[in-house]
Amino acid sequence: EGVARILTQLNANKVCAPNGISPVIITKFAHLLSPSLTVLFNILISSKTVPDDWKKSYIVPVFKKGDKQNVKNYRPISLLCTVSKV
C-alpha cells in the first residue's frame, strides 16, 4: 500500500527521465506496478545495491536571471529515473 500511495502521488507533469518511462504511466498504473516494485525494492535493500541505470541522469541547464548569454546565469538540474526516487 505504501509504494502504491507514493506512486499515485508522483507529479505527472515532470519530464521523462533517462529510462524513458513517463511519470503519467507510473501514476496511472500504480496499483499494477506497486507489488512488483515492492519486491524489487526489498531485494535491492537486502542486497545493498542500486541498479546502474538508476544512477544515470540527464543534466539540463536552467536559466536563473540576468544575461542569457552568460553561462554563469544557469544552474544544472539533474533529471533522475522516477522509480529510483521512490
Protein backbone atom coordinates (compact mmCIF):
# COMPACT_ATOMS: atom_id res chain seq x y z
CA GLU A 1 0.00 0.00 0.00
CA GLY A 2 2.81 2.41 0.82
CA VAL A 3 4.50 2.06 -2.56
CA ALA A 4 1.16 2.39 -4.39
CA ARG A 5 0.36 5.55 -2.42
CA ILE A 6 3.72 7.11 -3.27
CA LEU A 7 3.37 6.17 -6.95
CA THR A 8 -0.08 7.74 -7.21
CA GLN A 9 1.19 10.96 -5.63
CA LEU A 10 4.00 11.47 -8.15
CA ASN A 11 3.89 14.71 -10.10
CA ALA A 12 2.65 13.64 -13.55
CA ASN A 13 3.85 16.93 -15.08
CA LYS A 14 7.52 16.03 -14.71
CA VAL A 15 9.54 15.14 -17.81
CA CYS A 16 10.67 11.65 -18.75
CA ALA A 17 13.98 10.66 -17.23
CA PRO A 18 16.77 8.61 -18.84
CA ASN A 19 14.74 5.39 -18.67
CA GLY A 20 12.03 6.91 -20.90
CA ILE A 21 9.13 5.98 -18.59
CA SER A 22 6.74 8.87 -18.14
CA PRO A 23 5.51 9.67 -14.62
CA VAL A 24 2.00 9.72 -16.12
CA ILE A 25 2.28 5.99 -16.89
CA ILE A 26 3.61 5.25 -13.41
CA THR A 27 0.81 7.13 -11.67
CA LYS A 28 -1.95 5.65 -13.85
CA PHE A 29 -0.75 2.08 -13.34
CA ALA A 30 0.46 2.48 -9.75
CA HIS A 31 -1.71 -0.30 -8.35
CA LEU A 32 -0.49 -2.74 -11.02
CA LEU A 33 3.17 -1.76 -10.66
CA SER A 34 3.38 -1.46 -6.88
CA PRO A 35 3.53 -5.21 -6.00
CA SER A 36 6.44 -5.82 -8.40
CA LEU A 37 8.22 -2.64 -7.39
CA THR A 38 7.84 -3.53 -3.70
CA VAL A 39 9.54 -6.88 -4.32
CA LEU A 40 12.26 -5.16 -6.35
CA PHE A 41 12.84 -2.53 -3.67
CA ASN A 42 13.09 -5.20 -0.96
CA ILE A 43 15.62 -7.19 -3.00
CA LEU A 44 17.71 -4.07 -3.64
CA ILE A 45 17.62 -3.05 0.01
CA SER A 46 18.60 -6.50 1.25
CA SER A 47 21.42 -6.80 -1.29
CA LYS A 48 22.53 -3.20 -0.67
CA THR A 49 22.75 -2.45 -4.39
CA VAL A 50 21.39 0.14 -6.78
CA PRO A 51 20.95 -0.60 -10.49
CA ASP A 52 23.40 1.26 -12.71
CA ASP A 53 20.55 2.68 -14.80
CA TRP A 54 19.15 4.36 -11.69
CA LYS A 55 22.43 6.20 -11.25
CA LYS A 56 22.23 7.83 -14.70
CA SER A 57 20.72 11.26 -15.15
CA TYR A 58 20.20 13.99 -17.70
CA ILE A 59 21.80 17.27 -16.69
CA VAL A 60 19.86 20.23 -18.04
CA PRO A 61 20.85 23.89 -17.67
CA VAL A 62 18.09 26.06 -16.20
CA PHE A 63 18.24 29.84 -16.56
CA LYS A 64 18.34 31.77 -13.27
CA LYS A 65 18.48 35.51 -14.06
CA GLY A 66 20.48 38.15 -15.87
CA ASP A 67 22.05 37.89 -19.31
CA LYS A 68 21.06 34.68 -21.10
CA GLN A 69 24.37 34.72 -22.97
CA ASN A 70 26.38 34.36 -19.73
CA VAL A 71 26.94 30.74 -18.70
CA LYS A 72 27.15 31.73 -15.02
CA ASN A 73 23.45 32.64 -15.10
CA TYR A 74 22.44 28.99 -15.46
CA ARG A 75 22.27 26.22 -12.88
CA PRO A 76 22.34 22.48 -13.53
CA ILE A 77 19.31 20.30 -12.85
CA SER A 78 19.65 16.51 -12.79
CA LEU A 79 16.71 14.54 -14.18
CA LEU A 80 16.70 11.16 -12.46
CA CYS A 81 14.78 7.96 -13.04
CA THR A 82 11.34 8.34 -11.42
CA VAL A 83 11.33 4.85 -9.91
CA SER A 84 14.73 5.43 -8.28
CA LYS A 85 13.31 8.46 -6.46
CA VAL A 86 10.54 6.30 -4.98
